Amino acid sequence: LVVTESVFSMDGDSPDMNALVDIRRRYDEVMLYVDEAHGFAVSGPDGLGLTMALDRPGEVDVIVGTFGKAAASIGAFAVMEESVRSYVVNNARSLIFSTVLPPLNAEWTRFVVERLPQMEERRRHLRALAKRLHGGLCGLLPSDSRFMPPESHIQYVVTGSSDRAVALSAALRHRGQKVLPIRTPTVPAGTERLRISLSAAMTEDDIDGLLDSLRHEI
């Protein structure tokens, strides 16, 4: 079972999905499982995740994602063929002993998901913000940095220690900007960081203001 995220939650980068599909094609006993938690609603055609950008998305055996992030709801989904679904329904303790979602939440999720294809302009805006932030961070961080963030809606500034990450987060909060510190064991020791999670509700002025704050605090 090859398991990956389409957009990694801490580094914001993505794997070579086509290479993983090639592995799945090469070996009959291999199954491919992709977590779209940070890609769903944000990436891929109609916002349906990077899996749907593959030539043959049906070759991904299990696609999971959440409705609790970009879809602004609660709950999650898993897409798979009927035989795998039957196995999970009858054997996964976490599913068997889960409480069903309230109908109101399910209906809200449907309302949002049905409108994802019409939100391409918001996704373009989010990509533009990511590009602007990435360009600014590249100008702030050392050119030989081993931790250069990706041009993604998830970016970061590695501080190298938990104390420094917390201090920088507090300094930004004092300036009216909420950027949370990420510490060990969430990330490996030495890669403690500020994790910047962008939203389509942000503006270019928000990005420029954050970069200005970082310029003064780093």
C-alpha atoms as a PDB file:
ATOM      1  CA  LEU A   1       0.000   0.000   0.000  1.00  0.00           C
ATOM      2  CA  VAL A   2       1.649   3.226  -1.212  1.00  0.00           C
ATOM      3  CA  VAL A   3       0.308   6.156   0.830  1.00  0.00           C
ATOM      4  CA  THR A   4       0.892   9.831   0.065  1.00  0.00           C
ATOM      5  CA  GLU A   5      -0.620  13.272   0.376  1.00  0.00           C
ATOM      6  CA  SER A   6      -1.300  15.244  -2.786  1.00  0.00           C
ATOM      7  CA  VAL A   7      -0.155  18.425  -1.002  1.00  0.00           C
ATOM      8  CA  PHE A   8       1.964  17.792   2.069  1.00  0.00           C
ATOM      9  CA  SER A   9       0.552  19.549   5.097  1.00  0.00           C
ATOM     10  CA  MET A  10       3.786  20.908   6.569  1.00  0.00           C
ATOM     11  CA  ASP A  11       6.020  21.474   3.515  1.00  0.00           C
ATOM     12  CA  GLY A  12       3.309  22.448   1.017  1.00  0.00           C
ATOM     13  CA  ASP A  13       4.977  20.500  -1.798  1.00  0.00           C
ATOM     14  CA  SER A  14       3.591  17.607  -3.850  1.00  0.00           C
ATOM     15  CA  PRO A  15       4.901  14.180  -4.864  1.00  0.00           C
ATOM     16  CA  ASP A  16       5.382  12.994  -8.430  1.00  0.00           C
ATOM     17  CA  MET A  17       1.911  11.500  -8.729  1.00  0.00           C
ATOM     18  CA  ASN A  18       2.540  10.062 -12.188  1.00  0.00           C
ATOM     19  CA  ALA A  19       5.590   8.196 -10.892  1.00  0.00           C
ATOM     20  CA  LEU A  20       3.473   6.675  -8.117  1.00  0.00           C
ATOM     21  CA  VAL A  21       0.843   5.609 -10.653  1.00  0.00           C
ATOM     22  CA  ASP A  22       3.625   3.990 -12.704  1.00  0.00           C
ATOM     23  CA  ILE A  23       4.618   1.922  -9.651  1.00  0.00           C
ATOM     24  CA  ARG A  24       1.016   0.903  -9.193  1.00  0.00           C
ATOM     25  CA  ARG A  25       0.815  -0.171 -12.851  1.00  0.00           C
ATOM     26  CA  ARG A  26       4.057  -2.132 -12.639  1.00  0.00           C
ATOM     27  CA  TYR A  27       3.103  -4.315  -9.682  1.00  0.00           C
ATOM     28  CA  ASP A  28      -0.260  -6.061  -9.430  1.00  0.00           C
ATOM     29  CA  GLU A  29      -0.056  -6.297  -5.646  1.00  0.00           C
ATOM     30  CA  VAL A  30       0.404  -2.534  -5.155  1.00  0.00           C
ATOM     31  CA  MET A  31      -2.464  -0.234  -4.164  1.00  0.00           C
ATOM     32  CA  LEU A  32      -2.184   3.571  -4.248  1.00  0.00           C
ATOM     33  CA  TYR A  33      -3.796   5.684  -1.510  1.00  0.00           C
ATOM     34  CA  VAL A  34      -3.834   9.489  -1.875  1.00  0.00           C
ATOM     35  CA  ASP A  35      -4.847  11.927   0.856  1.00  0.00           C
ATOM     36  CA  GLU A  36      -6.292  15.083  -0.735  1.00  0.00           C
ATOM     37  CA  ALA A  37      -6.862  16.905   2.569  1.00  0.00           C
ATOM     38  CA  HIS A  38      -4.868  19.961   1.449  1.00  0.00           C
ATOM     39  CA  GLY A  39      -5.599  19.669  -2.263  1.00  0.00           C
ATOM     40  CA  PHE A  40      -9.378  19.249  -2.346  1.00  0.00           C
ATOM     41  CA  ALA A  41     -11.270  22.452  -3.293  1.00  0.00           C
ATOM     42  CA  VAL A  42      -7.942  24.207  -3.935  1.00  0.00           C
ATOM     43  CA  SER A  43      -6.050  22.226  -6.590  1.00  0.00           C
ATOM     44  CA  GLY A  44      -6.755  20.261  -9.745  1.00  0.00           C
ATOM     45  CA  PRO A  45      -9.543  20.544 -12.311  1.00  0.00           C
ATOM     46  CA  ASP A  46     -12.697  22.084 -10.804  1.00  0.00           C
ATOM     47  CA  GLY A  47     -10.931  22.047  -7.448  1.00  0.00           C
ATOM     48  CA  LEU A  48     -11.334  18.291  -7.125  1.00  0.00           C
ATOM     49  CA  GLY A  49      -7.715  17.654  -6.133  1.00  0.00           C
ATOM     50  CA  LEU A  50      -4.466  16.763  -7.851  1.00  0.00           C
ATOM     51  CA  THR A  51      -5.585  13.174  -8.326  1.00  0.00           C
ATOM     52  CA  MET A  52      -8.119  14.363 -10.886  1.00  0.00           C
ATOM     53  CA  ALA A  53      -5.329  16.015 -12.867  1.00  0.00           C
ATOM     54  CA  LEU A  54      -3.862  12.595 -13.672  1.00  0.00           C
ATOM     55  CA  ASP A  55      -4.475  11.088 -17.109  1.00  0.00           C
ATOM     56  CA  ARG A  56      -6.213   8.118 -15.467  1.00  0.00           C
ATOM     57  CA  PRO A  57      -7.353   9.102 -11.953  1.00  0.00           C
ATOM     58  CA  GLY A  58      -9.198   5.797 -11.694  1.00  0.00           C
ATOM     59  CA  GLU A  59      -5.840   4.102 -11.180  1.00  0.00           C
ATOM     60  CA  VAL A  60      -5.659   5.594  -7.684  1.00  0.00           C
ATOM     61  CA  ASP A  61      -7.265   2.918  -5.532  1.00  0.00           C
ATOM     62  CA  VAL A  62      -8.276   5.074  -2.569  1.00  0.00           C
ATOM     63  CA  ILE A  63      -8.773   8.850  -2.513  1.00  0.00           C
ATOM     64  CA  VAL A  64      -9.530  10.440   0.838  1.00  0.00           C
ATOM     65  CA  GLY A  65     -10.132  14.045   1.713  1.00  0.00           C
ATOM     66  CA  THR A  66     -11.715  16.347   4.237  1.00  0.00           C
ATOM     67  CA  PHE A  67     -14.656  18.709   4.149  1.00  0.00           C
ATOM     68  CA  GLY A  68     -13.245  20.520   7.182  1.00  0.00           C
ATOM     69  CA  LYS A  69     -10.657  22.731   5.486  1.00  0.00           C
ATOM     70  CA  ALA A  70     -11.240  24.513   2.162  1.00  0.00           C
ATOM     71  CA  ALA A  71     -14.801  23.172   1.888  1.00  0.00           C
ATOM     72  CA  ALA A  72     -15.695  24.987   5.136  1.00  0.00           C
ATOM     73  CA  SER A  73     -17.678  22.127   6.658  1.00  0.00           C
ATOM     74  CA  ILE A  74     -17.014  19.027   8.767  1.00  0.00           C
ATOM     75  CA  GLY A  75     -16.507  15.351   7.984  1.00  0.00           C
ATOM     76  CA  ALA A  76     -14.525  13.645   5.271  1.00  0.00           C
ATOM     77  CA  PHE A  77     -14.832  11.349   2.264  1.00  0.00           C
ATOM     78  CA  ALA A  78     -13.192   8.254   0.835  1.00  0.00           C
ATOM     79  CA  VAL A  79     -13.531   7.165  -2.794  1.00  0.00           C
ATOM     80  CA  MET A  80     -12.762   3.551  -3.769  1.00  0.00           C
ATOM     81  CA  GLU A  81     -14.112   0.615  -5.720  1.00  0.00           C
ATOM     82  CA  GLU A  82     -17.007  -1.395  -4.335  1.00  0.00           C
ATOM     83  CA  SER A  83     -14.966  -4.379  -3.071  1.00  0.00           C
ATOM     84  CA  VAL A  84     -12.621  -2.135  -1.051  1.00  0.00           C
ATOM     85  CA  ARG A  85     -15.579  -0.121   0.238  1.00  0.00           C
ATOM     86  CA  SER A  86     -17.313  -3.281   1.431  1.00  0.00           C
ATOM     87  CA  TYR A  87     -14.171  -4.396   3.247  1.00  0.00           C
ATOM     88  CA  VAL A  88     -13.755  -1.035   4.988  1.00  0.00           C
ATOM     89  CA  VAL A  89     -17.428  -0.775   5.977  1.00  0.00           C
ATOM     90  CA  ASN A  90     -17.248  -4.176   7.654  1.00  0.00           C
ATOM     91  CA  ASN A  91     -13.784  -4.028   9.196  1.00  0.00           C
ATOM     92  CA  ALA A  92     -12.751  -0.448  10.008  1.00  0.00           C
ATOM     93  CA  ARG A  93     -13.430   0.138  13.710  1.00  0.00           C
ATOM     94  CA  SER A  94     -13.157   3.891  13.283  1.00  0.00           C
ATOM     95  CA  LEU A  95     -16.013   3.765  10.767  1.00  0.00           C
ATOM     96  CA  ILE A  96     -18.168   1.203  12.545  1.00  0.00           C
ATOM     97  CA  PHE A  97     -18.116   3.185  15.793  1.00  0.00           C
ATOM     98  CA  SER A  98     -18.459   6.659  14.247  1.00  0.00           C
ATOM     99  CA  THR A  99     -21.557   8.760  14.829  1.00  0.00           C
ATOM    100  CA  VAL A 100     -23.322   9.836  11.662  1.00  0.00           C
ATOM    101  CA  LEU A 101     -23.031  13.501  10.680  1.00  0.00           C
ATOM    102  CA  PRO A 102     -26.083  15.707  11.302  1.00  0.00           C
ATOM    103  CA  PRO A 103     -28.194  16.107   8.123  1.00  0.00           C
ATOM    104  CA  LEU A 104     -27.735  19.887   8.255  1.00  0.00           C
ATOM    105  CA  ASN A 105     -23.956  19.501   7.999  1.00  0.00           C
ATOM    106  CA  ALA A 106     -24.300  17.001   5.164  1.00  0.00           C
ATOM    107  CA  GLU A 107     -26.548  19.384   3.248  1.00  0.00           C
ATOM    108  CA  TRP A 108     -24.149  22.297   3.768  1.00  0.00           C
ATOM    109  CA  THR A 109     -21.304  20.135   2.459  1.00  0.00           C
ATOM    110  CA  ARG A 110     -23.343  19.292  -0.640  1.00  0.00           C
ATOM    111  CA  PHE A 111     -24.094  23.004  -1.144  1.00  0.00           C
ATOM    112  CA  VAL A 112     -20.381  23.897  -1.067  1.00  0.00           C
ATOM    113  CA  VAL A 113     -19.076  20.963  -3.101  1.00  0.00           C
ATOM    114  CA  GLU A 114     -21.585  21.486  -5.909  1.00  0.00           C
ATOM    115  CA  ARG A 115     -20.245  25.023  -6.292  1.00  0.00           C
ATOM    116  CA  LEU A 116     -16.545  24.167  -6.370  1.00  0.00           C
ATOM    117  CA  PRO A 117     -16.344  24.129 -10.190  1.00  0.00           C
ATOM    118  CA  GLN A 118     -17.553  27.763 -10.244  1.00  0.00           C
ATOM    119  CA  MET A 119     -14.794  28.912  -7.875  1.00  0.00           C
ATOM    120  CA  GLU A 120     -11.931  28.862 -10.366  1.00  0.00           C
ATOM    121  CA  GLU A 121     -11.429  32.621 -10.086  1.00  0.00           C
ATOM    122  CA  ARG A 122     -10.845  32.214  -6.341  1.00  0.00           C
ATOM    123  CA  ARG A 123      -8.339  29.449  -7.012  1.00  0.00           C
ATOM    124  CA  ARG A 124      -6.501  31.656  -9.528  1.00  0.00           C
ATOM    125  CA  HIS A 125      -6.403  34.426  -6.934  1.00  0.00           C
ATOM    126  CA  LEU A 126      -5.026  32.003  -4.347  1.00  0.00           C
ATOM    127  CA  ARG A 127      -2.299  30.870  -6.759  1.00  0.00           C
ATOM    128  CA  ALA A 128      -1.397  34.516  -7.427  1.00  0.00           C
ATOM    129  CA  LEU A 129      -1.098  35.158  -3.695  1.00  0.00           C
ATOM    130  CA  ALA A 130       1.099  32.072  -3.322  1.00  0.00           C
ATOM    131  CA  LYS A 131       3.371  33.289  -6.114  1.00  0.00           C
ATOM    132  CA  ARG A 132       3.623  36.748  -4.546  1.00  0.00           C
ATOM    133  CA  LEU A 133       4.456  35.320  -1.131  1.00  0.00           C
ATOM    134  CA  HIS A 134       6.978  32.879  -2.563  1.00  0.00           C
ATOM    135  CA  GLY A 135       8.782  35.641  -4.441  1.00  0.00           C
ATOM    136  CA  GLY A 136       8.932  37.738  -1.288  1.00  0.00           C
ATOM    137  CA  LEU A 137      10.200  34.895   0.874  1.00  0.00           C
ATOM    138  CA  CYS A 138      12.875  34.035  -1.686  1.00  0.00           C
ATOM    139  CA  GLY A 139      14.101  37.607  -1.329  1.00  0.00           C
ATOM    140  CA  LEU A 140      14.158  37.379   2.476  1.00  0.00           C
ATOM    141  CA  LEU A 141      15.669  33.949   3.029  1.00  0.00           C
ATOM    142  CA  PRO A 142      19.304  33.025   2.340  1.00  0.00           C
ATOM    143  CA  SER A 143      19.843  32.074  -1.298  1.00  0.00           C
ATOM    144  CA  ASP A 144      21.515  28.809  -0.219  1.00  0.00           C
ATOM    145  CA  SER A 145      18.677  27.920   2.148  1.00  0.00           C
ATOM    146  CA  ARG A 146      17.980  24.188   2.312  1.00  0.00           C
ATOM    147  CA  PHE A 147      14.443  25.005   3.354  1.00  0.00           C
ATOM    148  CA  MET A 148      13.143  27.181   0.546  1.00  0.00           C
ATOM    149  CA  PRO A 149       9.332  26.975   0.608  1.00  0.00           C
ATOM    150  CA  PRO A 150       7.352  25.866  -2.448  1.00  0.00           C
ATOM    151  CA  GLU A 151       5.090  28.124  -4.500  1.00  0.00           C
ATOM    152  CA  SER A 152       2.019  26.734  -2.807  1.00  0.00           C
ATOM    153  CA  HIS A 153      -0.893  27.830  -0.618  1.00  0.00           C
ATOM    154  CA  ILE A 154       1.123  26.296   2.235  1.00  0.00           C
ATOM    155  CA  GLN A 155       4.520  27.938   2.785  1.00  0.00           C
ATOM    156  CA  TYR A 156       6.868  28.241   5.728  1.00  0.00           C
ATOM    157  CA  VAL A 157       9.808  29.980   7.332  1.00  0.00           C
ATOM    158  CA  VAL A 158      12.156  27.594   9.132  1.00  0.00           C
ATOM    159  CA  THR A 159      13.365  29.040  12.432  1.00  0.00           C
ATOM    160  CA  GLY A 160      15.516  26.121  13.577  1.00  0.00           C
ATOM    161  CA  SER A 161      14.212  26.083  17.158  1.00  0.00           C
ATOM    162  CA  SER A 162      10.898  25.943  18.961  1.00  0.00           C
ATOM    163  CA  ASP A 163      11.674  29.033  21.054  1.00  0.00           C
ATOM    164  CA  ARG A 164      12.407  31.095  17.952  1.00  0.00           C
ATOM    165  CA  ALA A 165       9.255  29.872  16.209  1.00  0.00           C
ATOM    166  CA  VAL A 166       7.096  30.814  19.200  1.00  0.00           C
ATOM    167  CA  ALA A 167       8.782  34.203  19.547  1.00  0.00           C
ATOM    168  CA  LEU A 168       8.333  35.052  15.873  1.00  0.00           C
ATOM    169  CA  SER A 169       4.701  33.953  15.966  1.00  0.00           C
ATOM    170  CA  ALA A 170       4.084  36.208  18.981  1.00  0.00           C
ATOM    171  CA  ALA A 171       5.800  39.150  17.263  1.00  0.00           C
ATOM    172  CA  LEU A 172       3.627  38.724  14.173  1.00  0.00           C
ATOM    173  CA  ARG A 173       0.503  38.412  16.298  1.00  0.00           C
ATOM    174  CA  HIS A 174       1.417  41.731  17.918  1.00  0.00           C
ATOM    175  CA  ARG A 175       1.413  43.173  14.398  1.00  0.00           C
ATOM    176  CA  GLY A 176      -2.059  41.729  13.748  1.00  0.00           C
ATOM    177  CA  GLN A 177      -0.963  38.691  11.735  1.00  0.00           C
ATOM    178  CA  LYS A 178      -1.728  35.140  12.860  1.00  0.00           C
ATOM    179  CA  VAL A 179       1.002  32.722  11.746  1.00  0.00           C
ATOM    180  CA  LEU A 180       1.231  29.678  13.976  1.00  0.00           C
ATOM    181  CA  PRO A 181       4.499  28.069  15.116  1.00  0.00           C
ATOM    182  CA  ILE A 182       5.071  24.410  14.245  1.00  0.00           C
ATOM    183  CA  ARG A 183       7.355  22.548  16.617  1.00  0.00           C
ATOM    184  CA  THR A 184       8.844  19.129  17.229  1.00  0.00           C
ATOM    185  CA  PRO A 185       7.472  16.416  17.100  1.00  0.00           C
ATOM    186  CA  THR A 186       5.093  17.719  14.400  1.00  0.00           C
ATOM    187  CA  VAL A 187       8.195  18.421  12.303  1.00  0.00           C
ATOM    188  CA  PRO A 188      11.716  17.009  12.744  1.00  0.00           C
ATOM    189  CA  ALA A 189      14.031  18.722  15.221  1.00  0.00           C
ATOM    190  CA  GLY A 190      15.889  21.540  13.536  1.00  0.00           C
ATOM    191  CA  THR A 191      13.058  22.283  11.095  1.00  0.00           C
ATOM    192  CA  GLU A 192      10.748  24.113  13.518  1.00  0.00           C
ATOM    193  CA  ARG A 193       8.946  26.794  11.580  1.00  0.00           C
ATOM    194  CA  LEU A 194       6.245  29.325  10.994  1.00  0.00           C
ATOM    195  CA  ARG A 195       3.602  27.696   8.800  1.00  0.00           C
ATOM    196  CA  ILE A 196       1.838  30.134   6.484  1.00  0.00           C
ATOM    197  CA  SER A 197      -1.547  28.892   5.282  1.00  0.00           C
ATOM    198  CA  LEU A 198      -3.069  31.138   2.617  1.00  0.00           C
ATOM    199  CA  SER A 199      -6.741  31.785   1.923  1.00  0.00           C
ATOM    200  CA  ALA A 200      -8.491  33.137  -1.147  1.00  0.00           C
ATOM    201  CA  ALA A 201     -10.085  35.696   1.186  1.00  0.00           C
ATOM    202  CA  MET A 202      -6.682  37.370   1.562  1.00  0.00           C
ATOM    203  CA  THR A 203      -5.462  40.280  -0.540  1.00  0.00           C
ATOM    204  CA  GLU A 204      -2.134  41.324  -2.015  1.00  0.00           C
ATOM    205  CA  ASP A 205      -1.899  43.925   0.764  1.00  0.00           C
ATOM    206  CA  ASP A 206      -2.156  41.103   3.313  1.00  0.00           C
ATOM    207  CA  ILE A 207       0.790  39.328   1.682  1.00  0.00           C
ATOM    208  CA  ASP A 208       2.865  42.497   1.458  1.00  0.00           C
ATOM    209  CA  GLY A 209       2.088  43.321   5.089  1.00  0.00           C
ATOM    210  CA  LEU A 210       3.217  39.876   6.219  1.00  0.00           C
ATOM    211  CA  LEU A 211       6.427  40.130   4.207  1.00  0.00           C
ATOM    212  CA  ASP A 212       7.114  43.555   5.688  1.00  0.00           C
ATOM    213  CA  SER A 213       6.630  42.178   9.197  1.00  0.00           C
ATOM    214  CA  LEU A 214       8.906  39.229   8.505  1.00  0.00           C
ATOM    215  CA  ARG A 215      11.521  41.595   7.090  1.00  0.00           C
ATOM    216  CA  HIS A 216      11.599  43.423  10.416  1.00  0.00           C
ATOM    217  CA  GLU A 217      11.399  40.380  12.677  1.00  0.00           C
ATOM    218  CA  ILE A 218      13.607  37.734  11.066  1.00  0.00           C
END
